[in-house]
């Protein structure tokens, strides 16, 4: 593994999951693997779990981790080729990225979509320009369209929480929100579950909230939430804005908020969310605070997902 931008960089998903669970049992088993190595963590938008978990994972492997907030601590970057830099941008990625490639051995980057231009967001210009020019392995800490470390974490959490000798039923269900959010987590989770191919996978959302088919192909998709929830073992709750008419909110129906009443038709389903979560908008207090909620376990597993990925990159070069 030389980069980690999507599930396509992870041909052996189960190997990554198993390694992560081994690290969870013995975090410092490879404490010298990254000795003398540095990882730079660049954030173009806010983060809490991603930032802290990746730092801890790197330190568990013996690496030095340095965090840099691009928008706050450094010059405004330009990413377009042949740009005439007469505006607010001060430094081009063509100069910045190669320097970072000299400072670090691995570069982690977190970007965010504009939600204004679908073509530009789905081209993943920002993260791809770093890959093109930095000359070292790049790890996505979330991009405009995907969040692979979160999705790996989700599969780790499902694996350790399900002991039955059958495929679990996993439901990804849309939830209301107060503002338009990107499709990153929903895209990525769909992509990973479909590639993993060890679950019955259902996606439930209101009309007009279809995701890009290249991520959802293989899943059962329905606009009937109650039908989707029947017999579910895991329910992953997440909001996303529209994809076709890009970045909009068409529906904010509070009836889509998950409650204990809705969960009665499930197989005592475990409740998942990537966090942060808007209480009593996306999820009711009663669900989040119930014994079936595994959101804290899920967030804690972010360390082991990152450690598994970083160790693979370190071992490969």
C-alpha atoms as a PDB file:
ATOM      1  CA  UNK A   1       0.000   0.000   0.000  1.00  0.00           C
ATOM      2  CA  UNK A   2       1.491   3.325  -1.114  1.00  0.00           C
ATOM      3  CA  UNK A   3      -1.580   5.548  -0.835  1.00  0.00           C
ATOM      4  CA  UNK A   4      -4.856   5.258   1.032  1.00  0.00           C
ATOM      5  CA  UNK A   5      -7.570   7.253  -0.691  1.00  0.00           C
ATOM      6  CA  UNK A   6     -10.369   4.706  -1.121  1.00  0.00           C
ATOM      7  CA  UNK A   7     -11.241   1.029  -0.820  1.00  0.00           C
ATOM      8  CA  UNK A   8      -9.436   0.480  -4.126  1.00  0.00           C
ATOM      9  CA  UNK A   9      -6.143   0.981  -2.278  1.00  0.00           C
ATOM     10  CA  UNK A  10      -7.107  -1.836   0.102  1.00  0.00           C
ATOM     11  CA  UNK A  11      -7.257  -5.116  -1.839  1.00  0.00           C
ATOM     12  CA  UNK A  12      -7.262  -7.156   1.383  1.00  0.00           C
ATOM     13  CA  UNK A  13      -9.946  -5.520   3.499  1.00  0.00           C
ATOM     14  CA  UNK A  14     -10.192  -8.355   5.986  1.00  0.00           C
ATOM     15  CA  UNK A  15      -6.425  -8.275   6.510  1.00  0.00           C
ATOM     16  CA  UNK A  16      -6.659  -4.609   7.526  1.00  0.00           C
ATOM     17  CA  UNK A  17      -9.572  -5.366   9.859  1.00  0.00           C
ATOM     18  CA  UNK A  18      -7.785  -8.291  11.503  1.00  0.00           C
ATOM     19  CA  UNK A  19      -4.594  -6.280  11.926  1.00  0.00           C
ATOM     20  CA  UNK A  20      -6.527  -3.425  13.517  1.00  0.00           C
ATOM     21  CA  UNK A  21      -8.119  -5.777  16.046  1.00  0.00           C
ATOM     22  CA  UNK A  22      -4.675  -7.164  16.898  1.00  0.00           C
ATOM     23  CA  UNK A  23      -3.417  -3.627  17.496  1.00  0.00           C
ATOM     24  CA  UNK A  24      -6.399  -3.020  19.745  1.00  0.00           C
ATOM     25  CA  UNK A  25      -5.239  -5.934  21.930  1.00  0.00           C
ATOM     26  CA  UNK A  26      -1.580  -4.910  21.830  1.00  0.00           C
ATOM     27  CA  UNK A  27      -1.171  -1.274  20.708  1.00  0.00           C
ATOM     28  CA  UNK A  28       2.620  -1.169  21.008  1.00  0.00           C
ATOM     29  CA  UNK A  29       3.500  -4.474  19.357  1.00  0.00           C
ATOM     30  CA  UNK A  30       5.061  -2.539  16.423  1.00  0.00           C
ATOM     31  CA  UNK A  31       6.297   0.417  18.452  1.00  0.00           C
ATOM     32  CA  UNK A  32       9.604   0.562  16.537  1.00  0.00           C
ATOM     33  CA  UNK A  33       8.164   0.170  13.041  1.00  0.00           C
ATOM     34  CA  UNK A  34       8.024   3.914  12.439  1.00  0.00           C
ATOM     35  CA  UNK A  35      11.087   4.884  14.449  1.00  0.00           C
ATOM     36  CA  UNK A  36      12.804   7.856  12.841  1.00  0.00           C
ATOM     37  CA  UNK A  37       9.819   8.518  10.546  1.00  0.00           C
ATOM     38  CA  UNK A  38       7.507  11.539  10.466  1.00  0.00           C
ATOM     39  CA  UNK A  39       3.906  11.942   9.379  1.00  0.00           C
ATOM     40  CA  UNK A  40       2.491  15.331   8.489  1.00  0.00           C
ATOM     41  CA  UNK A  41      -1.236  15.795   9.105  1.00  0.00           C
ATOM     42  CA  UNK A  42      -2.657  18.638   7.017  1.00  0.00           C
ATOM     43  CA  UNK A  43      -6.143  19.896   7.770  1.00  0.00           C
ATOM     44  CA  UNK A  44      -8.017  22.132   5.353  1.00  0.00           C
ATOM     45  CA  UNK A  45     -11.141  21.827   7.521  1.00  0.00           C
ATOM     46  CA  UNK A  46     -11.898  21.061  11.192  1.00  0.00           C
ATOM     47  CA  UNK A  47     -11.440  17.689  12.834  1.00  0.00           C
ATOM     48  CA  UNK A  48     -11.392  16.089  16.261  1.00  0.00           C
ATOM     49  CA  UNK A  49     -11.531  12.263  16.073  1.00  0.00           C
ATOM     50  CA  UNK A  50      -9.579  12.003  12.817  1.00  0.00           C
ATOM     51  CA  UNK A  51      -6.851  14.315  14.041  1.00  0.00           C
ATOM     52  CA  UNK A  52      -6.364  12.774  17.483  1.00  0.00           C
ATOM     53  CA  UNK A  53      -6.764   9.122  16.479  1.00  0.00           C
ATOM     54  CA  UNK A  54      -4.240   9.408  13.642  1.00  0.00           C
ATOM     55  CA  UNK A  55      -1.717  11.106  15.922  1.00  0.00           C
ATOM     56  CA  UNK A  56      -2.117   8.339  18.515  1.00  0.00           C
ATOM     57  CA  UNK A  57      -1.848   5.633  15.850  1.00  0.00           C
ATOM     58  CA  UNK A  58       1.379   7.140  14.508  1.00  0.00           C
ATOM     59  CA  UNK A  59       2.846   7.427  17.998  1.00  0.00           C
ATOM     60  CA  UNK A  60       1.949   3.791  18.728  1.00  0.00           C
ATOM     61  CA  UNK A  61       4.137   2.893  15.727  1.00  0.00           C
ATOM     62  CA  UNK A  62       7.008   5.090  16.910  1.00  0.00           C
ATOM     63  CA  UNK A  63       6.420   7.920  14.432  1.00  0.00           C
ATOM     64  CA  UNK A  64       6.549  11.648  15.083  1.00  0.00           C
ATOM     65  CA  UNK A  65       3.273  13.319  14.094  1.00  0.00           C
ATOM     66  CA  UNK A  66       3.087  16.999  13.183  1.00  0.00           C
ATOM     67  CA  UNK A  67      -0.280  18.712  12.667  1.00  0.00           C
ATOM     68  CA  UNK A  68      -0.701  21.726  10.391  1.00  0.00           C
ATOM     69  CA  UNK A  69      -3.946  23.689   9.916  1.00  0.00           C
ATOM     70  CA  UNK A  70      -3.564  24.939   6.372  1.00  0.00           C
ATOM     71  CA  UNK A  71      -6.205  27.652   6.463  1.00  0.00           C
ATOM     72  CA  UNK A  72      -5.182  29.059   9.849  1.00  0.00           C
ATOM     73  CA  UNK A  73      -1.449  28.486  10.179  1.00  0.00           C
ATOM     74  CA  UNK A  74      -0.188  28.836   6.631  1.00  0.00           C
ATOM     75  CA  UNK A  75      -0.623  30.567   3.301  1.00  0.00           C
ATOM     76  CA  UNK A  76      -3.801  30.134   1.292  1.00  0.00           C
ATOM     77  CA  UNK A  77      -3.033  27.453  -1.296  1.00  0.00           C
ATOM     78  CA  UNK A  78      -3.814  27.430  -5.000  1.00  0.00           C
ATOM     79  CA  UNK A  79      -4.597  24.037  -6.608  1.00  0.00           C
ATOM     80  CA  UNK A  80      -5.611  24.844 -10.183  1.00  0.00           C
ATOM     81  CA  UNK A  81      -3.071  24.262 -12.946  1.00  0.00           C
ATOM     82  CA  UNK A  82      -2.030  27.366 -14.909  1.00  0.00           C
ATOM     83  CA  UNK A  83      -3.732  29.594 -12.337  1.00  0.00           C
ATOM     84  CA  UNK A  84      -3.103  33.351 -12.484  1.00  0.00           C
ATOM     85  CA  UNK A  85      -2.509  33.955  -8.788  1.00  0.00           C
ATOM     86  CA  UNK A  86      -3.719  37.529  -8.538  1.00  0.00           C
ATOM     87  CA  UNK A  87      -6.353  36.793  -5.902  1.00  0.00           C
ATOM     88  CA  UNK A  88      -6.314  35.538  -2.307  1.00  0.00           C
ATOM     89  CA  UNK A  89      -4.108  32.456  -2.840  1.00  0.00           C
ATOM     90  CA  UNK A  90      -0.439  32.970  -2.008  1.00  0.00           C
ATOM     91  CA  UNK A  91       1.277  29.626  -2.619  1.00  0.00           C
ATOM     92  CA  UNK A  92       0.690  26.942  -5.241  1.00  0.00           C
ATOM     93  CA  UNK A  93       0.492  23.280  -4.308  1.00  0.00           C
ATOM     94  CA  UNK A  94       3.220  22.662  -6.926  1.00  0.00           C
ATOM     95  CA  UNK A  95       5.674  24.407  -4.588  1.00  0.00           C
ATOM     96  CA  UNK A  96       4.150  23.418  -1.252  1.00  0.00           C
ATOM     97  CA  UNK A  97       3.670  19.687  -1.813  1.00  0.00           C
ATOM     98  CA  UNK A  98       7.255  18.789  -2.853  1.00  0.00           C
ATOM     99  CA  UNK A  99       8.614  20.598   0.205  1.00  0.00           C
ATOM    100  CA  UNK A 100       6.266  18.637   2.452  1.00  0.00           C
ATOM    101  CA  UNK A 101       7.532  15.517   0.693  1.00  0.00           C
ATOM    102  CA  UNK A 102      11.022  16.408   1.937  1.00  0.00           C
ATOM    103  CA  UNK A 103       9.868  17.099   5.497  1.00  0.00           C
ATOM    104  CA  UNK A 104       7.748  13.967   5.969  1.00  0.00           C
ATOM    105  CA  UNK A 105       7.655  10.257   5.154  1.00  0.00           C
ATOM    106  CA  UNK A 106       3.837  10.063   4.991  1.00  0.00           C
ATOM    107  CA  UNK A 107       1.344  12.851   4.405  1.00  0.00           C
ATOM    108  CA  UNK A 108      -2.220  12.746   5.760  1.00  0.00           C
ATOM    109  CA  UNK A 109      -4.644  15.259   4.221  1.00  0.00           C
ATOM    110  CA  UNK A 110      -8.186  16.272   5.155  1.00  0.00           C
ATOM    111  CA  UNK A 111     -10.171  18.302   2.636  1.00  0.00           C
ATOM    112  CA  UNK A 112     -13.847  19.146   2.251  1.00  0.00           C
ATOM    113  CA  UNK A 113     -16.214  19.686  -0.691  1.00  0.00           C
ATOM    114  CA  UNK A 114     -17.613  23.046  -1.688  1.00  0.00           C
ATOM    115  CA  UNK A 115     -21.057  21.486  -2.287  1.00  0.00           C
ATOM    116  CA  UNK A 116     -21.421  24.025  -5.101  1.00  0.00           C
ATOM    117  CA  UNK A 117     -19.855  22.316  -8.109  1.00  0.00           C
ATOM    118  CA  UNK A 118     -20.328  18.545  -8.274  1.00  0.00           C
ATOM    119  CA  UNK A 119     -17.837  17.996 -11.086  1.00  0.00           C
ATOM    120  CA  UNK A 120     -15.067  19.856  -9.261  1.00  0.00           C
ATOM    121  CA  UNK A 121     -15.732  18.140  -5.940  1.00  0.00           C
ATOM    122  CA  UNK A 122     -15.890  14.661  -7.481  1.00  0.00           C
ATOM    123  CA  UNK A 123     -12.636  15.240  -9.364  1.00  0.00           C
ATOM    124  CA  UNK A 124     -10.940  15.394  -5.923  1.00  0.00           C
ATOM    125  CA  UNK A 125      -8.560  18.094  -7.134  1.00  0.00           C
ATOM    126  CA  UNK A 126      -7.091  19.024  -3.749  1.00  0.00           C
ATOM    127  CA  UNK A 127      -6.013  15.611  -2.533  1.00  0.00           C
ATOM    128  CA  UNK A 128      -4.997  14.424  -6.011  1.00  0.00           C
ATOM    129  CA  UNK A 129      -2.724  17.438  -6.458  1.00  0.00           C
ATOM    130  CA  UNK A 130      -0.904  16.524  -3.245  1.00  0.00           C
ATOM    131  CA  UNK A 131      -0.555  12.933  -4.473  1.00  0.00           C
ATOM    132  CA  UNK A 132       0.783  14.207  -7.799  1.00  0.00           C
ATOM    133  CA  UNK A 133       3.397  16.580  -6.405  1.00  0.00           C
ATOM    134  CA  UNK A 134       4.505  15.492  -2.910  1.00  0.00           C
ATOM    135  CA  UNK A 135       6.355  12.312  -3.901  1.00  0.00           C
ATOM    136  CA  UNK A 136       5.497  10.369  -0.695  1.00  0.00           C
ATOM    137  CA  UNK A 137       2.567   8.159   0.414  1.00  0.00           C
ATOM    138  CA  UNK A 138      -0.671  10.065   1.014  1.00  0.00           C
ATOM    139  CA  UNK A 139      -3.429   9.025   3.420  1.00  0.00           C
ATOM    140  CA  UNK A 140      -6.906  10.505   3.100  1.00  0.00           C
ATOM    141  CA  UNK A 141      -8.152  11.879   6.395  1.00  0.00           C
ATOM    142  CA  UNK A 142     -11.390  12.651   4.493  1.00  0.00           C
ATOM    143  CA  UNK A 143     -11.733  14.104   1.041  1.00  0.00           C
ATOM    144  CA  UNK A 144     -14.463  15.806  -0.959  1.00  0.00           C
ATOM    145  CA  UNK A 145     -16.234  12.521  -1.683  1.00  0.00           C
ATOM    146  CA  UNK A 146     -14.841   9.782   0.594  1.00  0.00           C
ATOM    147  CA  UNK A 147     -13.760   9.046   4.172  1.00  0.00           C
ATOM    148  CA  UNK A 148     -11.895   5.709   3.977  1.00  0.00           C
ATOM    149  CA  UNK A 149     -10.449   5.671   7.512  1.00  0.00           C
ATOM    150  CA  UNK A 150     -13.958   6.110   8.896  1.00  0.00           C
ATOM    151  CA  UNK A 151     -15.288   3.291   6.723  1.00  0.00           C
ATOM    152  CA  UNK A 152     -12.504   0.906   7.715  1.00  0.00           C
ATOM    153  CA  UNK A 153     -13.284   1.796  11.327  1.00  0.00           C
ATOM    154  CA  UNK A 154     -16.942   0.976  10.749  1.00  0.00           C
ATOM    155  CA  UNK A 155     -16.142  -2.493   9.402  1.00  0.00           C
ATOM    156  CA  UNK A 156     -13.785  -3.111  12.336  1.00  0.00           C
ATOM    157  CA  UNK A 157     -16.579  -2.187  14.742  1.00  0.00           C
ATOM    158  CA  UNK A 158     -19.118  -4.400  12.980  1.00  0.00           C
ATOM    159  CA  UNK A 159     -16.684  -7.328  12.910  1.00  0.00           C
ATOM    160  CA  UNK A 160     -15.970  -7.224  16.637  1.00  0.00           C
ATOM    161  CA  UNK A 161     -19.647  -6.660  17.521  1.00  0.00           C
ATOM    162  CA  UNK A 162     -21.173  -9.516  15.509  1.00  0.00           C
ATOM    163  CA  UNK A 163     -20.408 -13.106  16.497  1.00  0.00           C
ATOM    164  CA  UNK A 164     -23.126 -15.042  14.663  1.00  0.00           C
ATOM    165  CA  UNK A 165     -22.220 -17.407  11.820  1.00  0.00           C
ATOM    166  CA  UNK A 166     -24.228 -15.606   9.169  1.00  0.00           C
ATOM    167  CA  UNK A 167     -24.060 -12.380   7.239  1.00  0.00           C
ATOM    168  CA  UNK A 168     -25.285  -9.400   9.283  1.00  0.00           C
ATOM    169  CA  UNK A 169     -27.915  -7.088   7.865  1.00  0.00           C
ATOM    170  CA  UNK A 170     -26.525  -3.548   7.759  1.00  0.00           C
ATOM    171  CA  UNK A 171     -28.770  -0.570   7.088  1.00  0.00           C
ATOM    172  CA  UNK A 172     -27.472   2.877   6.179  1.00  0.00           C
ATOM    173  CA  UNK A 173     -30.305   5.314   6.782  1.00  0.00           C
ATOM    174  CA  UNK A 174     -30.519   9.011   5.972  1.00  0.00           C
ATOM    175  CA  UNK A 175     -31.330  11.422   8.799  1.00  0.00           C
ATOM    176  CA  UNK A 176     -32.451  15.063   8.949  1.00  0.00           C
ATOM    177  CA  UNK A 177     -29.947  17.832   9.575  1.00  0.00           C
ATOM    178  CA  UNK A 178     -29.930  21.604   9.948  1.00  0.00           C
ATOM    179  CA  UNK A 179     -27.572  22.208   7.018  1.00  0.00           C
ATOM    180  CA  UNK A 180     -26.389  20.602   3.810  1.00  0.00           C
ATOM    181  CA  UNK A 181     -23.684  18.004   4.429  1.00  0.00           C
ATOM    182  CA  UNK A 182     -21.419  16.189   1.930  1.00  0.00           C
ATOM    183  CA  UNK A 183     -21.934  12.625   0.750  1.00  0.00           C
ATOM    184  CA  UNK A 184     -18.425  11.555   1.882  1.00  0.00           C
ATOM    185  CA  UNK A 185     -19.296   9.186   4.740  1.00  0.00           C
ATOM    186  CA  UNK A 186     -22.312   7.662   2.995  1.00  0.00           C
ATOM    187  CA  UNK A 187     -20.360   7.189  -0.266  1.00  0.00           C
ATOM    188  CA  UNK A 188     -17.418   5.657   1.505  1.00  0.00           C
ATOM    189  CA  UNK A 189     -19.395   3.373   3.807  1.00  0.00           C
ATOM    190  CA  UNK A 190     -21.363   2.077   0.822  1.00  0.00           C
ATOM    191  CA  UNK A 191     -18.196   1.516  -1.177  1.00  0.00           C
ATOM    192  CA  UNK A 192     -16.501  -0.421   1.628  1.00  0.00           C
ATOM    193  CA  UNK A 193     -19.472  -2.584   2.631  1.00  0.00           C
ATOM    194  CA  UNK A 194     -20.096  -3.553  -0.980  1.00  0.00           C
ATOM    195  CA  UNK A 195     -16.414  -4.390  -1.543  1.00  0.00           C
ATOM    196  CA  UNK A 196     -16.228  -6.329   1.746  1.00  0.00           C
ATOM    197  CA  UNK A 197     -19.137  -8.501   0.577  1.00  0.00           C
ATOM    198  CA  UNK A 198     -19.776 -10.036   3.990  1.00  0.00           C
ATOM    199  CA  UNK A 199     -23.162  -8.462   4.749  1.00  0.00           C
ATOM    200  CA  UNK A 200     -26.679  -7.908   3.501  1.00  0.00           C
ATOM    201  CA  UNK A 201     -26.620  -4.186   2.791  1.00  0.00           C
ATOM    202  CA  UNK A 202     -29.610  -1.845   2.537  1.00  0.00           C
ATOM    203  CA  UNK A 203     -29.614   1.936   2.003  1.00  0.00           C
ATOM    204  CA  UNK A 204     -32.695   3.932   2.993  1.00  0.00           C
ATOM    205  CA  UNK A 205     -33.291   7.586   2.131  1.00  0.00           C
ATOM    206  CA  UNK A 206     -36.073   9.960   1.036  1.00  0.00           C
ATOM    207  CA  UNK A 207     -36.769  10.497  -2.633  1.00  0.00           C
ATOM    208  CA  UNK A 208     -34.171  12.673  -4.410  1.00  0.00           C
ATOM    209  CA  UNK A 209     -31.359  11.653  -2.033  1.00  0.00           C
ATOM    210  CA  UNK A 210     -29.820   8.978  -4.249  1.00  0.00           C
ATOM    211  CA  UNK A 211     -26.042   8.654  -4.007  1.00  0.00           C
ATOM    212  CA  UNK A 212     -23.672   8.137  -6.922  1.00  0.00           C
ATOM    213  CA  UNK A 213     -24.317   4.627  -8.202  1.00  0.00           C
ATOM    214  CA  UNK A 214     -20.609   3.868  -8.478  1.00  0.00           C
ATOM    215  CA  UNK A 215     -20.549   3.732  -4.665  1.00  0.00           C
ATOM    216  CA  UNK A 216     -23.926   2.078  -3.973  1.00  0.00           C
ATOM    217  CA  UNK A 217     -24.056  -0.588  -6.688  1.00  0.00           C
ATOM    218  CA  UNK A 218     -24.649  -3.922  -4.983  1.00  0.00           C
ATOM    219  CA  UNK A 219     -26.816  -2.533  -2.177  1.00  0.00           C
ATOM    220  CA  UNK A 220     -30.601  -2.717  -1.912  1.00  0.00           C
ATOM    221  CA  UNK A 221     -31.957   0.844  -1.997  1.00  0.00           C
ATOM    222  CA  UNK A 222     -35.361   1.900  -0.698  1.00  0.00           C
ATOM    223  CA  UNK A 223     -37.232   5.068   0.238  1.00  0.00           C
ATOM    224  CA  UNK A 224     -39.177   3.172   2.934  1.00  0.00           C
ATOM    225  CA  UNK A 225     -37.216   3.404   6.165  1.00  0.00           C
ATOM    226  CA  UNK A 226     -39.428   1.062   8.206  1.00  0.00           C
ATOM    227  CA  UNK A 227     -39.149  -1.662   5.575  1.00  0.00           C
ATOM    228  CA  UNK A 228     -35.364  -1.248   5.463  1.00  0.00           C
ATOM    229  CA  UNK A 229     -35.034  -1.560   9.241  1.00  0.00           C
ATOM    230  CA  UNK A 230     -36.789  -4.941   9.483  1.00  0.00           C
ATOM    231  CA  UNK A 231     -34.357  -7.538  10.822  1.00  0.00           C
ATOM    232  CA  UNK A 232     -31.393  -5.160  10.816  1.00  0.00           C
ATOM    233  CA  UNK A 233     -28.377  -6.076  12.949  1.00  0.00           C
ATOM    234  CA  UNK A 234     -26.660  -2.691  12.504  1.00  0.00           C
ATOM    235  CA  UNK A 235     -28.186   0.680  11.703  1.00  0.00           C
ATOM    236  CA  UNK A 236     -25.813   3.398  10.532  1.00  0.00           C
ATOM    237  CA  UNK A 237     -27.379   6.854  10.691  1.00  0.00           C
ATOM    238  CA  UNK A 238     -26.012   9.674   8.534  1.00  0.00           C
ATOM    239  CA  UNK A 239     -27.249  12.793   6.802  1.00  0.00           C
ATOM    240  CA  UNK A 240     -26.169  13.803   3.316  1.00  0.00           C
ATOM    241  CA  UNK A 241     -27.293  16.471   0.858  1.00  0.00           C
ATOM    242  CA  UNK A 242     -28.608  15.759  -2.614  1.00  0.00           C
ATOM    243  CA  UNK A 243     -26.263  14.396  -5.277  1.00  0.00           C
ATOM    244  CA  UNK A 244     -28.164  14.878  -8.548  1.00  0.00           C
ATOM    245  CA  UNK A 245     -29.223  18.478  -7.865  1.00  0.00           C
ATOM    246  CA  UNK A 246     -26.001  18.905  -6.008  1.00  0.00           C
ATOM    247  CA  UNK A 247     -25.609  20.013  -2.395  1.00  0.00           C
ATOM    248  CA  UNK A 248     -29.223  20.826  -1.580  1.00  0.00           C
ATOM    249  CA  UNK A 249     -31.711  20.024   1.188  1.00  0.00           C
ATOM    250  CA  UNK A 250     -35.053  18.896  -0.255  1.00  0.00           C
ATOM    251  CA  UNK A 251     -36.392  17.048   2.748  1.00  0.00           C
ATOM    252  CA  UNK A 252     -35.860  17.661   6.426  1.00  0.00           C
ATOM    253  CA  UNK A 253     -38.761  15.546   7.631  1.00  0.00           C
ATOM    254  CA  UNK A 254     -38.301  14.843  11.359  1.00  0.00           C
ATOM    255  CA  UNK A 255     -40.065  11.523  10.802  1.00  0.00           C
ATOM    256  CA  UNK A 256     -36.746  10.219   9.458  1.00  0.00           C
ATOM    257  CA  UNK A 257     -35.076  10.692  12.859  1.00  0.00           C
ATOM    258  CA  UNK A 258     -34.328   7.318  14.413  1.00  0.00           C
ATOM    259  CA  UNK A 259     -36.189   6.428  17.621  1.00  0.00           C
ATOM    260  CA  UNK A 260     -36.500   3.364  19.843  1.00  0.00           C
ATOM    261  CA  UNK A 261     -39.963   2.778  18.410  1.00  0.00           C
ATOM    262  CA  UNK A 262     -38.530   2.445  14.916  1.00  0.00           C
ATOM    263  CA  UNK A 263     -35.870   0.041  16.145  1.00  0.00           C
ATOM    264  CA  UNK A 264     -38.473  -2.429  17.439  1.00  0.00           C
ATOM    265  CA  UNK A 265     -38.582  -4.129  14.018  1.00  0.00           C
ATOM    266  CA  UNK A 266     -34.819  -4.691  13.999  1.00  0.00           C
ATOM    267  CA  UNK A 267     -32.851  -7.619  15.380  1.00  0.00           C
ATOM    268  CA  UNK A 268     -31.932  -5.581  18.480  1.00  0.00           C
ATOM    269  CA  UNK A 269     -29.762  -3.575  16.116  1.00  0.00           C
ATOM    270  CA  UNK A 270     -26.568  -1.859  17.157  1.00  0.00           C
ATOM    271  CA  UNK A 271     -26.690   1.863  16.430  1.00  0.00           C
ATOM    272  CA  UNK A 272     -23.794   3.550  14.603  1.00  0.00           C
ATOM    273  CA  UNK A 273     -22.921   7.148  13.695  1.00  0.00           C
ATOM    274  CA  UNK A 274     -19.583   8.670  12.651  1.00  0.00           C
ATOM    275  CA  UNK A 275     -19.970  11.712  14.987  1.00  0.00           C
ATOM    276  CA  UNK A 276     -20.393  14.563  15.613  1.00  0.00           C
ATOM    277  CA  UNK A 277     -24.159  14.041  15.876  1.00  0.00           C
ATOM    278  CA  UNK A 278     -27.020  16.511  16.266  1.00  0.00           C
ATOM    279  CA  UNK A 279     -29.038  15.105  19.168  1.00  0.00           C
ATOM    280  CA  UNK A 280     -32.790  15.004  18.686  1.00  0.00           C
ATOM    281  CA  UNK A 281     -32.356  16.003  15.047  1.00  0.00           C
ATOM    282  CA  UNK A 282     -30.524  13.050  13.513  1.00  0.00           C
ATOM    283  CA  UNK A 283     -30.957  10.747  16.497  1.00  0.00           C
ATOM    284  CA  UNK A 284     -33.098  10.864  19.616  1.00  0.00           C
ATOM    285  CA  UNK A 285     -31.481  10.926  23.053  1.00  0.00           C
ATOM    286  CA  UNK A 286     -33.135   7.618  23.858  1.00  0.00           C
ATOM    287  CA  UNK A 287     -31.317   5.909  20.991  1.00  0.00           C
ATOM    288  CA  UNK A 288     -27.926   7.529  21.511  1.00  0.00           C
ATOM    289  CA  UNK A 289     -27.971   6.843  25.252  1.00  0.00           C
ATOM    290  CA  UNK A 290     -29.242   3.265  24.944  1.00  0.00           C
ATOM    291  CA  UNK A 291     -27.193   0.122  25.479  1.00  0.00           C
ATOM    292  CA  UNK A 292     -27.492  -0.606  21.739  1.00  0.00           C
ATOM    293  CA  UNK A 293     -25.560   2.535  20.810  1.00  0.00           C
ATOM    294  CA  UNK A 294     -21.960   1.720  19.889  1.00  0.00           C
ATOM    295  CA  UNK A 295     -20.926   5.193  18.703  1.00  0.00           C
ATOM    296  CA  UNK A 296     -18.251   5.522  21.410  1.00  0.00           C
ATOM    297  CA  UNK A 297     -16.781   2.114  20.585  1.00  0.00           C
ATOM    298  CA  UNK A 298     -16.890   3.070  16.917  1.00  0.00           C
ATOM    299  CA  UNK A 299     -15.050   6.360  17.499  1.00  0.00           C
ATOM    300  CA  UNK A 300     -12.434   4.691  19.711  1.00  0.00           C
ATOM    301  CA  UNK A 301     -11.687   2.220  16.910  1.00  0.00           C
ATOM    302  CA  UNK A 302     -10.497   5.091  14.731  1.00  0.00           C
ATOM    303  CA  UNK A 303      -7.052   4.645  16.331  1.00  0.00           C
ATOM    304  CA  UNK A 304      -6.763   1.009  15.247  1.00  0.00           C
ATOM    305  CA  UNK A 305      -7.974   1.688  11.713  1.00  0.00           C
ATOM    306  CA  UNK A 306      -5.341   4.383  11.268  1.00  0.00           C
ATOM    307  CA  UNK A 307      -2.650   2.235  12.871  1.00  0.00           C
ATOM    308  CA  UNK A 308      -3.444  -0.668  10.551  1.00  0.00           C
ATOM    309  CA  UNK A 309      -3.183   1.545   7.457  1.00  0.00           C
ATOM    310  CA  UNK A 310      -0.025   3.344   8.560  1.00  0.00           C
ATOM    311  CA  UNK A 311       1.715   0.072   9.385  1.00  0.00           C
ATOM    312  CA  UNK A 312       0.938  -1.301   5.924  1.00  0.00           C
ATOM    313  CA  UNK A 313       2.442   1.815   4.312  1.00  0.00           C
ATOM    314  CA  UNK A 314       5.526   1.665   6.528  1.00  0.00           C
ATOM    315  CA  UNK A 315       6.101  -2.028   5.808  1.00  0.00           C
ATOM    316  CA  UNK A 316       5.830  -1.407   2.084  1.00  0.00           C
ATOM    317  CA  UNK A 317       8.506   1.155   1.904  1.00  0.00           C
END
